[in-house]
Amino acid sequence: MPSQLYAAIYGGNQLRFFFFVFLGLFFPWLAVAEQPGIRLELNKLENVGEACRVYLLVEEKSGQHITRLDADFVLFDEDGIIIKRYLVPLAPMAAGQSRVRLFDLPSSSCDQISGILFNGTLNCSVDGSQDCPKFVLHSKDNRVTLF
């Protein structure tokens, strides 16, 4: 009886069943679909004169038009001490749009920064609503953590 139940559930194709179990166990990232929301990527830090220039890649993946969005960032040094807090405008953005946002940190060297905290949003307006999409964070710069 258990083999008949197994055949009814899995169509009698044991090889296919074990193949998908194998994929799920050893390659779980295959099952993760791209999450809707706004993807923030810390792409690069660059010293420019007496300032540190931050390059953020912002990708709108929620399918909504963002009319206003200000991101609150807090910068930390190597010892975990807060350096400064910045409010960075990220909008307007059309649905599905990707943009690079630059902002300079005056009187700062990029070598001083070890982490950037995404502290939330202020003044968020999406398609006329005040509900902001979720954010997915990523850092391409291994020296600095975006969290």
Protein backbone atom coordinates (compact mmCIF):
# COMPACT_ATOMS: atom_id res chain seq x y z
CA MET A 1 0.00 0.00 0.00
CA PRO A 2 2.75 2.57 0.79
CA SER A 3 4.28 2.03 -2.66
CA GLN A 4 0.89 2.66 -4.29
CA LEU A 5 0.52 5.86 -2.29
CA TYR A 6 4.04 6.89 -3.30
CA ALA A 7 3.23 6.16 -6.96
CA ALA A 8 -0.01 8.11 -6.75
CA ILE A 9 1.72 11.15 -5.24
CA TYR A 10 4.89 11.15 -7.30
CA GLY A 11 3.62 9.63 -10.52
CA GLY A 12 5.71 6.49 -10.17
CA ASN A 13 8.86 8.25 -11.32
CA GLN A 14 11.34 7.59 -8.49
CA LEU A 15 14.27 9.05 -10.37
CA ARG A 16 12.47 12.36 -10.84
CA PHE A 17 11.46 12.41 -7.17
CA PHE A 18 15.01 11.82 -5.90
CA PHE A 19 16.41 14.33 -8.38
CA PHE A 20 14.21 17.09 -6.96
CA VAL A 21 15.00 16.04 -3.38
CA PHE A 22 18.71 16.20 -4.26
CA LEU A 23 18.30 19.69 -5.77
CA GLY A 24 16.39 20.92 -2.73
CA LEU A 25 18.96 19.58 -0.27
CA PHE A 26 22.15 20.57 -2.01
CA PHE A 27 21.12 23.61 -4.02
CA PRO A 28 18.54 25.45 -1.89
CA TRP A 29 19.29 28.73 -3.65
CA LEU A 30 17.64 27.29 -6.78
CA ALA A 31 14.31 27.35 -4.99
CA VAL A 32 14.62 30.96 -3.91
CA ALA A 33 12.77 33.20 -6.30
CA GLU A 34 13.73 36.81 -6.64
CA GLN A 35 11.91 38.64 -3.90
CA PRO A 36 9.65 41.54 -4.79
CA GLY A 37 10.45 44.85 -3.19
CA ILE A 38 13.29 47.30 -3.47
CA ARG A 39 16.81 45.94 -3.77
CA LEU A 40 19.53 48.16 -2.30
CA GLU A 41 23.06 47.28 -3.27
CA LEU A 42 26.12 49.01 -1.86
CA ASN A 43 28.08 48.85 -5.09
CA LYS A 44 31.22 50.82 -4.37
CA LEU A 45 32.95 53.33 -2.11
CA GLU A 46 35.43 55.79 -3.60
CA ASN A 47 37.59 58.50 -2.05
CA VAL A 48 36.98 61.80 -3.88
CA GLY A 49 39.09 64.63 -2.52
CA GLU A 50 38.22 65.02 1.17
CA ALA A 51 35.05 62.93 0.87
CA CYS A 52 33.97 59.32 0.51
CA ARG A 53 31.55 58.78 -2.38
CA VAL A 54 28.98 56.02 -1.91
CA TYR A 55 27.46 54.31 -4.96
CA LEU A 56 24.08 52.67 -4.33
CA LEU A 57 22.30 50.57 -6.94
CA VAL A 58 18.55 50.80 -6.33
CA GLU A 59 16.27 48.35 -8.15
CA GLU A 60 12.49 48.64 -7.95
CA LYS A 61 11.15 45.06 -8.10
CA SER A 62 7.74 45.46 -6.49
CA GLY A 63 6.06 46.59 -9.70
CA GLN A 64 4.97 49.88 -8.13
CA HIS A 65 5.68 53.50 -8.95
CA ILE A 66 7.57 55.12 -6.09
CA THR A 67 6.90 58.84 -5.90
CA ARG A 68 8.78 59.62 -2.70
CA LEU A 69 11.30 57.64 -0.70
CA ASP A 70 14.02 58.84 1.64
CA ALA A 71 16.34 56.20 3.08
CA ASP A 72 17.90 56.63 6.52
CA PHE A 73 21.50 55.33 6.72
CA VAL A 74 23.83 55.19 9.73
CA LEU A 75 27.58 54.71 9.17
CA PHE A 76 29.84 52.80 11.57
CA ASP A 77 33.62 52.66 11.97
CA GLU A 78 35.75 49.54 12.59
CA ASP A 79 35.01 49.66 16.33
CA GLY A 80 31.24 49.81 15.81
CA ILE A 81 31.05 53.49 16.73
CA ILE A 82 28.54 55.60 14.82
CA ILE A 83 30.25 58.02 12.46
CA LYS A 84 27.26 59.84 11.04
CA ARG A 85 23.65 59.54 9.95
CA TYR A 86 22.46 60.39 6.42
CA LEU A 87 19.08 60.81 4.79
CA VAL A 88 19.32 59.87 1.10
CA PRO A 89 16.50 60.49 -1.43
CA LEU A 90 15.97 57.40 -3.62
CA ALA A 91 12.78 58.35 -5.53
CA PRO A 92 11.13 58.96 -7.90
CA MET A 93 11.32 55.52 -9.50
CA ALA A 94 9.05 53.92 -12.06
CA ALA A 95 7.94 50.31 -11.68
CA GLY A 96 10.80 47.97 -12.58
CA GLN A 97 13.35 50.79 -12.85
CA SER A 98 16.98 50.56 -11.71
CA ARG A 99 19.03 53.62 -10.75
CA VAL A 100 22.40 54.44 -9.28
CA ARG A 101 22.34 56.97 -6.46
CA LEU A 102 25.53 58.71 -5.36
CA PHE A 103 26.09 60.57 -2.16
CA ASP A 104 29.24 62.08 -0.71
CA LEU A 105 30.30 61.83 2.90
CA PRO A 106 32.22 65.08 3.48
CA SER A 107 35.39 64.99 5.59
CA SER A 108 35.37 61.18 5.53
CA SER A 109 37.75 58.57 4.21
CA CYS A 110 36.16 55.40 2.85
CA ASP A 111 38.70 53.38 4.85
CA GLN A 112 37.03 54.58 8.08
CA ILE A 113 33.69 52.96 7.20
CA SER A 114 33.13 49.31 8.12
CA GLY A 115 29.34 49.15 8.11
CA ILE A 116 26.27 50.96 6.85
CA LEU A 117 22.97 50.38 8.62
CA PHE A 118 19.80 50.81 6.56
CA ASN A 119 17.80 52.37 9.39
CA GLY A 120 14.48 52.46 7.55
CA THR A 121 12.62 54.93 5.40
CA LEU A 122 11.08 58.33 5.84
CA ASN A 123 8.54 60.05 3.60
CA CYS A 124 7.63 56.94 1.63
CA SER A 125 4.87 57.22 -0.98
CA VAL A 126 4.16 54.33 -3.36
CA ASP A 127 1.37 54.64 -5.93
CA GLY A 128 -0.36 57.13 -3.62
CA SER A 129 -0.12 54.86 -0.56
CA GLN A 130 2.14 55.27 2.47
CA ASP A 131 2.97 51.52 2.52
CA CYS A 132 6.59 50.97 1.50
CA PRO A 133 7.72 47.74 -0.18
CA LYS A 134 10.17 45.45 1.58
CA PHE A 135 13.88 46.03 1.12
CA VAL A 136 16.51 43.47 0.15
CA LEU A 137 20.06 44.52 1.07
CA HIS A 138 23.31 43.50 -0.60
CA SER A 139 26.93 44.72 -0.58
CA LYS A 140 29.40 44.16 -3.41
CA ASP A 141 32.17 45.82 -1.40
CA ASN A 142 33.62 43.14 0.89
CA ARG A 143 35.17 45.77 3.16
CA VAL A 144 31.81 47.24 4.16
CA THR A 145 28.68 45.48 5.42
CA LEU A 146 25.24 46.79 4.49
CA PHE A 147 22.73 45.68 7.10
